[in-house]
């Protein structure tokens, strides 16, 4: 059985963590895995070991870990793999593979263009800038 672990950074802001949980919820019904769980690198729970444990306890022997980060960096090359390997030690019948973050994928570039276009339309129609 295969499980998906959606890994967010973790934040003190409830909204940021809720986005990671919502992504896992929306990906849960994908036929390529039996379950999807959100987990966090730091600050919030479940942490990576707890999320990994939920999937392993549910019978998943292969864990696909998706870092819900925009860019590649130390977290995706060092911190997350170390946490996944530590979690696997408690579940030796499992194995994990780490997906790449979005980075400059074409869909990200198009999403940025769409957001900028929305901002320009909003600015033009309101006559002033949104200062949030």
Protein backbone atom coordinates (compact mmCIF):
# COMPACT_ATOMS: atom_id res chain seq x y z
CA UNK A 1 0.00 0.00 0.00
CA UNK A 2 1.09 3.52 -0.76
CA UNK A 3 0.50 6.66 1.29
CA UNK A 4 1.07 10.35 0.63
CA UNK A 5 2.66 12.59 3.26
CA UNK A 6 2.14 16.28 2.44
CA UNK A 7 4.81 18.17 4.36
CA UNK A 8 4.46 21.84 5.22
CA UNK A 9 6.97 24.00 7.01
CA UNK A 10 4.72 24.62 10.02
CA UNK A 11 3.58 27.99 11.25
CA UNK A 12 2.13 29.68 14.27
CA UNK A 13 -0.56 30.97 11.91
CA UNK A 14 -3.53 28.61 11.83
CA UNK A 15 -4.36 29.61 8.24
CA UNK A 16 -0.96 28.53 6.89
CA UNK A 17 -1.23 25.09 8.48
CA UNK A 18 -4.85 24.76 7.35
CA UNK A 19 -3.70 25.16 3.73
CA UNK A 20 -1.38 22.16 4.07
CA UNK A 21 -4.14 20.10 5.67
CA UNK A 22 -6.57 21.09 2.92
CA UNK A 23 -4.12 20.07 0.21
CA UNK A 24 -3.74 16.64 1.84
CA UNK A 25 -7.54 16.35 2.10
CA UNK A 26 -7.98 17.20 -1.57
CA UNK A 27 -5.30 14.72 -2.64
CA UNK A 28 -6.62 11.90 -0.44
CA UNK A 29 -9.01 10.53 -3.05
CA UNK A 30 -6.31 10.04 -5.69
CA UNK A 31 -6.20 6.42 -6.81
CA UNK A 32 -2.38 6.32 -6.72
CA UNK A 33 -2.33 6.08 -2.91
CA UNK A 34 -4.60 4.70 -0.23
CA UNK A 35 -4.29 7.64 2.19
CA UNK A 36 -2.94 11.19 2.41
CA UNK A 37 -1.84 12.90 5.62
CA UNK A 38 -0.55 16.39 6.35
CA UNK A 39 2.56 16.79 8.50
CA UNK A 40 4.87 19.63 9.44
CA UNK A 41 8.62 20.11 9.63
CA UNK A 42 8.39 22.24 12.76
CA UNK A 43 6.11 24.30 15.02
CA UNK A 44 2.86 22.43 14.26
CA UNK A 45 1.55 18.88 14.61
CA UNK A 46 1.49 16.24 13.42
CA UNK A 47 5.22 16.40 12.81
CA UNK A 48 6.82 14.26 10.11
CA UNK A 49 7.34 11.26 12.41
CA UNK A 50 3.71 11.39 13.59
CA UNK A 51 2.32 11.70 10.05
CA UNK A 52 4.59 8.92 8.81
CA UNK A 53 3.43 6.78 11.72
CA UNK A 54 -0.23 7.33 10.85
CA UNK A 55 0.37 6.10 7.31
CA UNK A 56 2.47 3.13 8.47
CA UNK A 57 -0.15 2.18 11.07
CA UNK A 58 -2.74 2.26 8.30
CA UNK A 59 -0.79 -0.36 6.36
CA UNK A 60 1.17 1.87 3.99
CA UNK A 61 4.57 0.41 3.23
CA UNK A 62 5.55 2.99 0.61
CA UNK A 63 5.41 6.66 1.62
CA UNK A 64 5.48 9.38 -1.04
CA UNK A 65 6.60 12.57 0.72
CA UNK A 66 5.64 15.82 -1.00
CA UNK A 67 7.29 18.98 0.38
CA UNK A 68 4.65 21.70 0.03
CA UNK A 69 7.36 24.31 -0.48
CA UNK A 70 7.75 26.56 -3.47
CA UNK A 71 11.51 26.27 -3.78
CA UNK A 72 14.20 23.68 -3.32
CA UNK A 73 16.57 24.31 -0.41
CA UNK A 74 18.05 22.96 2.81
CA UNK A 75 14.68 21.77 4.09
CA UNK A 76 14.08 19.60 1.02
CA UNK A 77 17.66 18.35 0.73
CA UNK A 78 18.61 17.93 4.37
CA UNK A 79 15.93 18.42 7.03
CA UNK A 80 13.00 16.56 5.49
CA UNK A 81 15.04 13.51 4.35
CA UNK A 82 16.61 13.28 7.82
CA UNK A 83 13.17 13.40 9.47
CA UNK A 84 11.79 10.81 7.03
CA UNK A 85 14.71 8.46 7.67
CA UNK A 86 14.30 8.85 11.43
CA UNK A 87 10.58 8.06 11.08
CA UNK A 88 11.35 5.00 8.93
CA UNK A 89 13.56 3.60 11.68
CA UNK A 90 10.41 3.15 13.78
CA UNK A 91 8.69 1.45 10.82
CA UNK A 92 11.36 -0.74 9.17
CA UNK A 93 8.87 -2.43 6.83
CA UNK A 94 8.34 0.90 5.05
CA UNK A 95 10.27 2.91 2.51
CA UNK A 96 9.92 6.51 1.43
CA UNK A 97 10.57 8.62 -1.65
CA UNK A 98 10.72 12.41 -1.68
CA UNK A 99 9.02 14.38 -4.45
CA UNK A 100 10.42 17.69 -5.69
CA UNK A 101 8.84 21.01 -4.66
CA UNK A 102 7.09 23.10 -7.31
CA UNK A 103 9.98 25.47 -8.05
CA UNK A 104 9.72 27.06 -11.48
CA UNK A 105 7.31 24.50 -12.90
CA UNK A 106 5.31 25.95 -15.79
CA UNK A 107 2.11 25.79 -13.75
CA UNK A 108 3.70 28.00 -11.06
CA UNK A 109 4.76 30.59 -13.61
CA UNK A 110 1.25 30.63 -15.10
CA UNK A 111 -0.31 30.93 -11.63
CA UNK A 112 1.97 33.90 -10.86
CA UNK A 113 1.00 35.54 -14.15
CA UNK A 114 -2.69 35.06 -13.35
CA UNK A 115 -2.28 36.57 -9.86
CA UNK A 116 -0.41 39.55 -11.30
CA UNK A 117 -3.09 40.06 -13.94
CA UNK A 118 -5.76 40.00 -11.21
CA UNK A 119 -3.77 42.55 -9.23
CA UNK A 120 -3.47 44.85 -12.25
CA UNK A 121 -7.22 44.63 -12.92
CA UNK A 122 -8.04 45.30 -9.27
CA UNK A 123 -5.62 48.24 -9.16
CA UNK A 124 -6.97 49.72 -12.39
CA UNK A 125 -10.59 49.39 -11.29
CA UNK A 126 -10.07 50.80 -7.80
CA UNK A 127 -7.78 53.65 -8.84
CA UNK A 128 -5.42 52.99 -5.96
CA UNK A 129 -3.22 50.29 -4.53
CA UNK A 130 -4.19 47.58 -2.10
CA UNK A 131 -1.79 48.13 0.79
CA UNK A 132 -2.22 44.81 2.58
